[in-house]
Amino acid sequence: MTRAPTGPEGYRRIEGLVWVQLTDDGPLISRKAPRKASVKRGRGYERKVARYLKREKDKYEGELFVGQWLLFKDKHGYGKAQPDAYILRPDLVVLIECKLTQTDDVVPQLLQLYLPLIRQLYSRKVVCIQACHNLRYAPKKQIKDPMELIEVPRPGIWTWHYIG
């Protein structure tokens, strides 16, 4: 078994996905409490976005998953991944990754890790959103609410500037 490839951002890239399933188990290694204040603020922002999505979930007409662990096997062996949130609808999955500050690092994380897993797990079209509090630059693709992509699904990674 070869070592699983990671990009410069440190996220695993899925290659030769064999299977994926939901799991209640946490990470393969224990995660210590974050020491950096920026990591704590980022996790706080994830919780804020999750609270908003839970309040608004009826309008999305789908099942909301927050912090759901995925167990998978690809050509490099077993792994686990945890998207921040996704909305499962009969025709579509809205995948949401939260970042306190807008970053391009979200692209490989969404496209090479979470997207292949979610697509195989549910066999549906997947739209991707980066929810961020702080914008570093004007996004090329921006939405005001995830509902925009539910009503008119479009490809690419969309930025949702959610301040809360």
N, C-alpha and C. Protein backbone atom coordinates (compact mmCIF):
# COMPACT_ATOMS: atom_id res chain seq x y z
N MET A 1 0.84 -1.17 0.00
CA MET A 1 0.00 0.00 0.00
C MET A 1 0.90 1.24 0.00
N THR A 2 0.62 2.16 -0.92
CA THR A 2 1.41 3.38 -1.00
C THR A 2 0.82 4.45 -0.10
N ARG A 3 1.64 5.40 0.24
CA ARG A 3 1.18 6.51 1.10
C ARG A 3 0.18 7.37 0.32
N ALA A 4 -0.89 7.75 0.99
CA ALA A 4 -1.93 8.56 0.35
C ALA A 4 -1.36 9.92 -0.03
N PRO A 5 -1.62 10.37 -1.26
CA PRO A 5 -1.08 11.65 -1.70
C PRO A 5 -1.81 12.81 -1.03
N THR A 6 -1.05 13.84 -0.74
CA THR A 6 -1.64 15.07 -0.22
C THR A 6 -1.13 16.22 -1.06
N GLY A 7 -1.93 17.25 -1.14
CA GLY A 7 -1.52 18.45 -1.84
C GLY A 7 -0.69 19.32 -0.91
N PRO A 8 -0.26 20.48 -1.39
CA PRO A 8 0.54 21.37 -0.55
C PRO A 8 -0.22 21.84 0.68
N GLU A 9 -1.55 21.78 0.64
CA GLU A 9 -2.37 22.21 1.76
C GLU A 9 -2.49 21.12 2.82
N GLY A 10 -2.06 19.90 2.51
CA GLY A 10 -2.10 18.82 3.47
C GLY A 10 -3.36 17.96 3.40
N TYR A 11 -4.25 18.23 2.48
CA TYR A 11 -5.47 17.44 2.37
C TYR A 11 -5.22 16.22 1.51
N ARG A 12 -5.78 15.11 1.90
CA ARG A 12 -5.66 13.88 1.13
C ARG A 12 -6.41 14.02 -0.18
N ARG A 13 -5.83 13.50 -1.23
CA ARG A 13 -6.49 13.44 -2.54
C ARG A 13 -7.01 12.03 -2.73
N ILE A 14 -8.28 11.93 -3.06
CA ILE A 14 -8.89 10.63 -3.30
C ILE A 14 -8.46 10.14 -4.68
N GLU A 15 -7.96 8.92 -4.74
CA GLU A 15 -7.58 8.29 -6.01
C GLU A 15 -8.08 6.85 -5.99
N GLY A 16 -8.79 6.46 -7.03
CA GLY A 16 -9.27 5.09 -7.12
C GLY A 16 -10.22 4.73 -5.99
N LEU A 17 -11.22 5.55 -5.79
CA LEU A 17 -12.17 5.33 -4.69
C LEU A 17 -12.89 4.00 -4.87
N VAL A 18 -12.83 3.16 -3.85
CA VAL A 18 -13.46 1.84 -3.87
C VAL A 18 -14.85 1.92 -3.25
N TRP A 19 -14.95 2.50 -2.06
CA TRP A 19 -16.24 2.66 -1.40
C TRP A 19 -16.17 3.78 -0.37
N VAL A 20 -17.34 4.25 0.02
CA VAL A 20 -17.47 5.28 1.06
C VAL A 20 -18.76 5.02 1.82
N GLN A 21 -18.74 5.28 3.12
CA GLN A 21 -19.95 5.11 3.92
C GLN A 21 -19.94 6.11 5.08
N LEU A 22 -21.12 6.38 5.62
CA LEU A 22 -21.24 7.22 6.80
C LEU A 22 -20.74 6.45 8.01
N THR A 23 -20.15 7.16 8.97
CA THR A 23 -19.71 6.52 10.20
C THR A 23 -19.88 7.50 11.36
N ASP A 24 -20.10 6.95 12.53
CA ASP A 24 -20.19 7.78 13.73
C ASP A 24 -18.84 7.94 14.40
N ASP A 25 -17.88 7.13 13.99
CA ASP A 25 -16.55 7.18 14.59
C ASP A 25 -15.82 8.44 14.17
N GLY A 26 -15.02 8.96 15.07
CA GLY A 26 -14.24 10.16 14.80
C GLY A 26 -12.99 9.87 13.99
N PRO A 27 -11.99 10.71 14.14
CA PRO A 27 -10.78 10.57 13.33
C PRO A 27 -9.99 9.32 13.70
N LEU A 28 -9.11 8.94 12.77
CA LEU A 28 -8.26 7.77 13.00
C LEU A 28 -7.22 8.04 14.08
N ILE A 29 -6.85 9.30 14.24
CA ILE A 29 -5.92 9.68 15.30
C ILE A 29 -6.62 10.71 16.17
N SER A 30 -6.25 10.77 17.43
CA SER A 30 -6.92 11.72 18.32
C SER A 30 -6.48 13.14 17.99
N ARG A 31 -7.45 14.06 18.09
CA ARG A 31 -7.15 15.47 17.86
C ARG A 31 -7.13 16.18 19.20
N LYS A 32 -6.03 16.83 19.49
CA LYS A 32 -5.95 17.59 20.72
C LYS A 32 -6.70 18.91 20.52
N ALA A 33 -7.06 19.52 21.61
CA ALA A 33 -7.71 20.83 21.54
C ALA A 33 -6.75 21.81 20.86
N PRO A 34 -7.28 22.68 20.02
CA PRO A 34 -6.40 23.60 19.30
C PRO A 34 -5.72 24.58 20.25
N ARG A 35 -4.47 24.85 19.97
CA ARG A 35 -3.72 25.81 20.78
C ARG A 35 -3.78 27.21 20.18
N LYS A 36 -3.85 27.27 18.87
CA LYS A 36 -3.83 28.58 18.21
C LYS A 36 -5.20 29.24 18.29
N ALA A 37 -5.20 30.50 18.60
CA ALA A 37 -6.45 31.25 18.69
C ALA A 37 -7.18 31.28 17.36
N SER A 38 -6.43 31.32 16.26
CA SER A 38 -7.06 31.37 14.93
C SER A 38 -7.85 30.09 14.65
N VAL A 39 -7.33 28.95 15.10
CA VAL A 39 -8.04 27.68 14.91
C VAL A 39 -9.31 27.67 15.75
N LYS A 40 -9.24 28.17 16.96
CA LYS A 40 -10.42 28.25 17.82
C LYS A 40 -11.48 29.16 17.19
N ARG A 41 -11.06 30.29 16.64
CA ARG A 41 -12.01 31.20 15.98
C ARG A 41 -12.62 30.54 14.76
N GLY A 42 -11.82 29.78 14.02
CA GLY A 42 -12.33 29.08 12.84
C GLY A 42 -13.39 28.05 13.21
N ARG A 43 -13.15 27.31 14.27
CA ARG A 43 -14.14 26.32 14.72
C ARG A 43 -15.40 27.01 15.25
N GLY A 44 -15.22 28.16 15.87
CA GLY A 44 -16.38 28.94 16.32
C GLY A 44 -17.22 29.39 15.13
N TYR A 45 -16.55 29.78 14.05
CA TYR A 45 -17.27 30.19 12.84
C TYR A 45 -18.02 29.00 12.23
N GLU A 46 -17.42 27.83 12.22
CA GLU A 46 -18.11 26.62 11.74
C GLU A 46 -19.41 26.41 12.52
N ARG A 47 -19.34 26.57 13.84
CA ARG A 47 -20.54 26.39 14.67
C ARG A 47 -21.60 27.45 14.35
N LYS A 48 -21.16 28.67 14.08
CA LYS A 48 -22.10 29.75 13.74
C LYS A 48 -22.82 29.44 12.43
N VAL A 49 -22.09 28.98 11.43
CA VAL A 49 -22.71 28.61 10.15
C VAL A 49 -23.67 27.44 10.36
N ALA A 50 -23.26 26.46 11.16
CA ALA A 50 -24.12 25.30 11.43
C ALA A 50 -25.42 25.73 12.10
N ARG A 51 -25.34 26.66 13.04
CA ARG A 51 -26.57 27.14 13.70
C ARG A 51 -27.51 27.80 12.70
N TYR A 52 -26.94 28.60 11.80
CA TYR A 52 -27.75 29.24 10.77
C TYR A 52 -28.43 28.19 9.88
N LEU A 53 -27.66 27.22 9.42
CA LEU A 53 -28.22 26.19 8.55
C LEU A 53 -29.32 25.40 9.25
N LYS A 54 -29.13 25.12 10.54
CA LYS A 54 -30.16 24.39 11.30
C LYS A 54 -31.44 25.22 11.42
N ARG A 55 -31.29 26.53 11.65
CA ARG A 55 -32.47 27.41 11.74
C ARG A 55 -33.22 27.48 10.42
N GLU A 56 -32.49 27.45 9.31
CA GLU A 56 -33.07 27.64 7.99
C GLU A 56 -33.34 26.34 7.24
N LYS A 57 -33.12 25.20 7.87
CA LYS A 57 -33.14 23.93 7.14
C LYS A 57 -34.47 23.62 6.47
N ASP A 58 -35.58 24.10 7.02
CA ASP A 58 -36.88 23.83 6.40
C ASP A 58 -36.97 24.42 5.00
N LYS A 59 -36.40 25.60 4.79
CA LYS A 59 -36.48 26.22 3.46
C LYS A 59 -35.60 25.48 2.44
N TYR A 60 -34.59 24.76 2.91
CA TYR A 60 -33.72 24.03 1.99
C TYR A 60 -34.34 22.71 1.54
N GLU A 61 -35.39 22.28 2.21
CA GLU A 61 -36.13 21.07 1.84
C GLU A 61 -35.20 19.88 1.62
N GLY A 62 -34.35 19.66 2.58
CA GLY A 62 -33.43 18.53 2.52
C GLY A 62 -32.95 18.19 3.90
N GLU A 63 -32.18 17.12 3.98
CA GLU A 63 -31.61 16.69 5.25
C GLU A 63 -30.26 17.36 5.45
N LEU A 64 -30.06 17.96 6.61
CA LEU A 64 -28.82 18.66 6.91
C LEU A 64 -27.88 17.75 7.70
N PHE A 65 -26.64 17.65 7.23
CA PHE A 65 -25.60 16.91 7.93
C PHE A 65 -24.52 17.90 8.34
N VAL A 66 -24.19 17.93 9.62
CA VAL A 66 -23.15 18.83 10.13
C VAL A 66 -22.08 17.99 10.80
N GLY A 67 -20.84 18.10 10.32
CA GLY A 67 -19.73 17.37 10.92
C GLY A 67 -19.84 15.86 10.79
N GLN A 68 -20.50 15.39 9.76
CA GLN A 68 -20.69 13.94 9.54
C GLN A 68 -19.37 13.31 9.09
N TRP A 69 -18.95 12.26 9.78
CA TRP A 69 -17.74 11.55 9.39
C TRP A 69 -18.03 10.58 8.25
N LEU A 70 -17.09 10.49 7.32
CA LEU A 70 -17.17 9.56 6.20
C LEU A 70 -15.97 8.62 6.28
N LEU A 71 -16.23 7.34 6.20
CA LEU A 71 -15.18 6.32 6.16
C LEU A 71 -15.08 5.86 4.72
N PHE A 72 -13.86 5.75 4.20
CA PHE A 72 -13.71 5.37 2.80
C PHE A 72 -12.48 4.51 2.59
N LYS A 73 -12.45 3.89 1.42
CA LYS A 73 -11.27 3.15 1.00
C LYS A 73 -10.99 3.55 -0.44
N ASP A 74 -9.75 3.95 -0.68
CA ASP A 74 -9.33 4.21 -2.05
C ASP A 74 -8.07 3.38 -2.31
N LYS A 75 -7.39 3.65 -3.41
CA LYS A 75 -6.24 2.80 -3.75
C LYS A 75 -5.09 2.92 -2.75
N HIS A 76 -5.15 3.90 -1.87
CA HIS A 76 -4.10 4.08 -0.87
C HIS A 76 -4.49 3.54 0.50
N GLY A 77 -5.68 2.93 0.59
CA GLY A 77 -6.10 2.36 1.87
C GLY A 77 -7.31 3.06 2.44
N TYR A 78 -7.49 2.89 3.74
CA TYR A 78 -8.64 3.44 4.44
C TYR A 78 -8.37 4.88 4.85
N GLY A 79 -9.44 5.63 4.96
CA GLY A 79 -9.32 7.00 5.43
C GLY A 79 -10.65 7.50 5.96
N LYS A 80 -10.59 8.64 6.60
CA LYS A 80 -11.79 9.30 7.10
C LYS A 80 -11.74 10.76 6.71
N ALA A 81 -12.92 11.32 6.52
CA ALA A 81 -13.03 12.73 6.17
C ALA A 81 -14.27 13.28 6.85
N GLN A 82 -14.27 14.59 7.09
CA GLN A 82 -15.40 15.22 7.77
C GLN A 82 -15.71 16.57 7.14
N PRO A 83 -16.62 16.58 6.15
CA PRO A 83 -17.05 17.87 5.61
C PRO A 83 -17.73 18.68 6.72
N ASP A 84 -17.61 20.00 6.66
CA ASP A 84 -18.24 20.83 7.69
C ASP A 84 -19.75 20.67 7.69
N ALA A 85 -20.36 20.73 6.51
CA ALA A 85 -21.82 20.58 6.42
C ALA A 85 -22.21 20.24 4.99
N TYR A 86 -23.35 19.57 4.85
CA TYR A 86 -23.95 19.40 3.54
C TYR A 86 -25.44 19.20 3.68
N ILE A 87 -26.14 19.63 2.63
CA ILE A 87 -27.59 19.51 2.58
C ILE A 87 -27.91 18.47 1.52
N LEU A 88 -28.59 17.41 1.93
CA LEU A 88 -28.94 16.31 1.03
C LEU A 88 -30.38 16.50 0.57
N ARG A 89 -30.54 16.69 -0.72
CA ARG A 89 -31.85 16.83 -1.33
C ARG A 89 -32.06 15.67 -2.30
N PRO A 90 -33.30 15.43 -2.74
CA PRO A 90 -33.54 14.30 -3.65
C PRO A 90 -32.75 14.38 -4.95
N ASP A 91 -32.46 15.59 -5.42
CA ASP A 91 -31.82 15.78 -6.72
C ASP A 91 -30.41 16.34 -6.64
N LEU A 92 -29.94 16.69 -5.44
CA LEU A 92 -28.75 17.52 -5.33
C LEU A 92 -28.16 17.42 -3.92
N VAL A 93 -26.84 17.61 -3.83
CA VAL A 93 -26.18 17.77 -2.53
C VAL A 93 -25.46 19.11 -2.55
N VAL A 94 -25.70 19.92 -1.52
CA VAL A 94 -25.03 21.21 -1.37
C VAL A 94 -23.95 21.01 -0.31
N LEU A 95 -22.69 21.05 -0.74
CA LEU A 95 -21.53 20.79 0.12
C LEU A 95 -20.97 22.13 0.59
N ILE A 96 -20.84 22.31 1.90
CA ILE A 96 -20.41 23.60 2.46
C ILE A 96 -19.17 23.40 3.32
N GLU A 97 -18.11 24.13 2.98
CA GLU A 97 -16.89 24.12 3.77
C GLU A 97 -16.70 25.52 4.35
N CYS A 98 -16.51 25.60 5.65
CA CYS A 98 -16.43 26.88 6.36
C CYS A 98 -14.97 27.28 6.58
N LYS A 99 -14.67 28.52 6.27
CA LYS A 99 -13.35 29.08 6.51
C LYS A 99 -13.54 30.47 7.10
N LEU A 100 -12.90 30.75 8.21
CA LEU A 100 -13.03 32.07 8.81
C LEU A 100 -12.61 33.15 7.81
N THR A 101 -11.50 32.90 7.13
CA THR A 101 -11.00 33.82 6.11
C THR A 101 -10.95 33.09 4.78
N GLN A 102 -11.46 33.73 3.75
CA GLN A 102 -11.50 33.19 2.40
C GLN A 102 -10.11 32.68 2.00
N THR A 103 -10.07 31.49 1.41
CA THR A 103 -8.79 30.90 1.03
C THR A 103 -8.93 30.07 -0.24
N ASP A 104 -7.88 30.04 -1.02
CA ASP A 104 -7.86 29.19 -2.20
C ASP A 104 -7.57 27.73 -1.82
N ASP A 105 -7.11 27.50 -0.59
CA ASP A 105 -6.84 26.13 -0.13
C ASP A 105 -8.10 25.27 -0.12
N VAL A 106 -9.26 25.91 -0.12
CA VAL A 106 -10.52 25.17 -0.08
C VAL A 106 -10.76 24.41 -1.39
N VAL A 107 -10.16 24.86 -2.48
CA VAL A 107 -10.40 24.24 -3.79
C VAL A 107 -9.98 22.76 -3.80
N PRO A 108 -8.72 22.42 -3.48
CA PRO A 108 -8.38 20.99 -3.47
C PRO A 108 -9.12 20.22 -2.38
N GLN A 109 -9.39 20.85 -1.26
CA GLN A 109 -10.11 20.17 -0.18
C GLN A 109 -11.50 19.76 -0.66
N LEU A 110 -12.20 20.65 -1.33
CA LEU A 110 -13.53 20.33 -1.84
C LEU A 110 -13.48 19.40 -3.04
N LEU A 111 -12.66 19.74 -4.04
CA LEU A 111 -12.69 19.01 -5.31
C LEU A 111 -11.98 17.66 -5.27
N GLN A 112 -10.92 17.52 -4.48
CA GLN A 112 -10.13 16.29 -4.49
C GLN A 112 -10.39 15.38 -3.30
N LEU A 113 -11.08 15.89 -2.29
CA LEU A 113 -11.38 15.07 -1.11
C LEU A 113 -12.88 14.88 -0.95
N TYR A 114 -13.60 15.94 -0.61
CA TYR A 114 -15.02 15.79 -0.28
C TYR A 114 -15.91 15.51 -1.48
N LEU A 115 -15.70 16.17 -2.59
CA LEU A 115 -16.57 15.98 -3.76
C LEU A 115 -16.62 14.53 -4.24
N PRO A 116 -15.48 13.85 -4.44
CA PRO A 116 -15.57 12.45 -4.87
C PRO A 116 -16.30 11.55 -3.86
N LEU A 117 -16.11 11.82 -2.58
CA LEU A 117 -16.77 11.01 -1.56
C LEU A 117 -18.28 11.21 -1.57
N ILE A 118 -18.70 12.46 -1.56
CA ILE A 118 -20.14 12.78 -1.53
C ILE A 118 -20.81 12.32 -2.82
N ARG A 119 -20.14 12.53 -3.94
CA ARG A 119 -20.73 12.12 -5.23
C ARG A 119 -20.95 10.61 -5.27
N GLN A 120 -19.97 9.83 -4.83
CA GLN A 120 -20.14 8.37 -4.85
C GLN A 120 -21.15 7.92 -3.81
N LEU A 121 -21.15 8.53 -2.66
CA LEU A 121 -22.05 8.13 -1.58
C LEU A 121 -23.52 8.32 -1.96
N TYR A 122 -23.83 9.42 -2.64
CA TYR A 122 -25.23 9.74 -2.91
C TYR A 122 -25.63 9.67 -4.38
N SER A 123 -24.69 9.55 -5.29
CA SER A 123 -24.98 9.47 -6.74
C SER A 123 -25.90 10.61 -7.19
N ARG A 124 -25.54 11.82 -6.78
CA ARG A 124 -26.30 13.01 -7.16
C ARG A 124 -25.35 14.12 -7.55
N LYS A 125 -25.90 15.10 -8.22
CA LYS A 125 -25.13 16.29 -8.54
C LYS A 125 -24.72 16.96 -7.24
N VAL A 126 -23.50 17.51 -7.19
CA VAL A 126 -22.99 18.17 -5.99
C VAL A 126 -22.58 19.59 -6.37
N VAL A 127 -23.04 20.56 -5.57
CA VAL A 127 -22.58 21.93 -5.72
C VAL A 127 -21.76 22.29 -4.49
N CYS A 128 -20.71 23.09 -4.68
CA CYS A 128 -19.75 23.37 -3.61
C CYS A 128 -19.78 24.84 -3.20
N ILE A 129 -19.73 25.05 -1.89
CA ILE A 129 -19.75 26.40 -1.33
C ILE A 129 -18.62 26.54 -0.31
N GLN A 130 -17.91 27.67 -0.39
CA GLN A 130 -16.99 28.08 0.67
C GLN A 130 -17.71 29.18 1.45
N ALA A 131 -18.07 28.89 2.70
CA ALA A 131 -18.65 29.91 3.56
C ALA A 131 -17.50 30.58 4.28
N CYS A 132 -17.42 31.91 4.21
CA CYS A 132 -16.33 32.60 4.90
C CYS A 132 -16.82 33.91 5.50
N HIS A 133 -16.19 34.28 6.60
CA HIS A 133 -16.52 35.51 7.31
C HIS A 133 -15.73 36.67 6.74
N ASN A 134 -14.44 36.46 6.52
CA ASN A 134 -13.55 37.52 6.04
C ASN A 134 -13.21 37.28 4.57
N LEU A 135 -13.48 38.26 3.74
CA LEU A 135 -13.10 38.16 2.32
C LEU A 135 -11.72 38.77 2.13
N ARG A 136 -10.86 38.07 1.39
CA ARG A 136 -9.54 38.59 1.05
C ARG A 136 -9.55 39.30 -0.29
N TYR A 137 -10.49 38.91 -1.16
CA TYR A 137 -10.61 39.50 -2.49
C TYR A 137 -12.05 39.31 -2.95
N ALA A 138 -12.43 40.02 -3.99
CA ALA A 138 -13.79 39.90 -4.52
C ALA A 138 -13.92 38.55 -5.23
N PRO A 139 -14.82 37.69 -4.76
CA PRO A 139 -14.96 36.37 -5.38
C PRO A 139 -15.56 36.46 -6.78
N LYS A 140 -15.11 35.57 -7.66
CA LYS A 140 -15.67 35.50 -9.02
C LYS A 140 -17.07 34.93 -9.00
N LYS A 141 -17.31 34.01 -8.08
CA LYS A 141 -18.62 33.35 -7.97
C LYS A 141 -19.10 33.52 -6.53
N GLN A 142 -20.12 34.36 -6.36
CA GLN A 142 -20.60 34.64 -5.01
C GLN A 142 -22.11 34.46 -4.93
N ILE A 143 -22.56 33.94 -3.79
CA ILE A 143 -23.99 33.80 -3.53
C ILE A 143 -24.31 34.49 -2.21
N LYS A 144 -25.58 34.84 -2.03
CA LYS A 144 -26.01 35.47 -0.78
C LYS A 144 -26.52 34.43 0.22
N ASP A 145 -26.92 33.26 -0.29
CA ASP A 145 -27.46 32.20 0.55
C ASP A 145 -27.38 30.89 -0.24
N PRO A 146 -27.20 29.76 0.44
CA PRO A 146 -27.17 28.47 -0.28
C PRO A 146 -28.41 28.21 -1.13
N MET A 147 -29.53 28.83 -0.79
CA MET A 147 -30.77 28.64 -1.54
C MET A 147 -30.59 28.99 -3.01
N GLU A 148 -29.72 29.94 -3.30
CA GLU A 148 -29.47 30.33 -4.70
C GLU A 148 -28.99 29.15 -5.54
N LEU A 149 -28.13 28.32 -4.97
CA LEU A 149 -27.62 27.16 -5.71
C LEU A 149 -28.60 26.00 -5.72
N ILE A 150 -29.49 25.98 -4.75
CA ILE A 150 -30.54 24.96 -4.75
C ILE A 150 -31.53 25.26 -5.86
N GLU A 151 -31.89 26.53 -5.99
CA GLU A 151 -32.86 26.93 -7.02
C GLU A 151 -32.28 26.80 -8.42
N VAL A 152 -31.02 27.19 -8.58
CA VAL A 152 -30.35 27.12 -9.89
C VAL A 152 -28.94 26.56 -9.67
N PRO A 153 -28.79 25.22 -9.66
CA PRO A 153 -27.46 24.63 -9.45
C PRO A 153 -26.49 25.02 -10.56
N ARG A 154 -25.29 25.42 -10.15
CA ARG A 154 -24.26 25.82 -11.11
C ARG A 154 -22.92 25.22 -10.69
N PRO A 155 -22.08 24.90 -11.67
CA PRO A 155 -20.77 24.29 -11.34
C PRO A 155 -19.81 25.30 -10.71
N GLY A 156 -18.76 24.78 -10.17
CA GLY A 156 -17.72 25.62 -9.59
C GLY A 156 -17.83 25.68 -8.08
N ILE A 157 -16.92 26.43 -7.49
CA ILE A 157 -16.95 26.65 -6.05
C ILE A 157 -17.44 28.08 -5.81
N TRP A 158 -18.52 28.18 -5.08
CA TRP A 158 -19.17 29.45 -4.83
C TRP A 158 -18.82 29.96 -3.44
N THR A 159 -18.66 31.28 -3.33
CA THR A 159 -18.34 31.89 -2.05
C THR A 159 -19.61 32.46 -1.43
N TRP A 160 -19.84 32.10 -0.20
CA TRP A 160 -20.96 32.62 0.58
C TRP A 160 -20.35 33.44 1.71
N HIS A 161 -20.46 34.76 1.60
CA HIS A 161 -19.90 35.66 2.61
C HIS A 161 -20.92 35.77 3.74
N TYR A 162 -20.82 34.85 4.68
CA TYR A 162 -21.76 34.81 5.81
C TYR A 162 -21.09 35.41 7.04
N ILE A 163 -21.63 36.52 7.51
CA ILE A 163 -21.06 37.19 8.67
C ILE A 163 -21.72 36.71 9.95
N GLY A 164 -23.02 36.43 9.87
CA GLY A 164 -23.75 35.90 11.02
C GLY A 164 -24.11 36.98 11.96
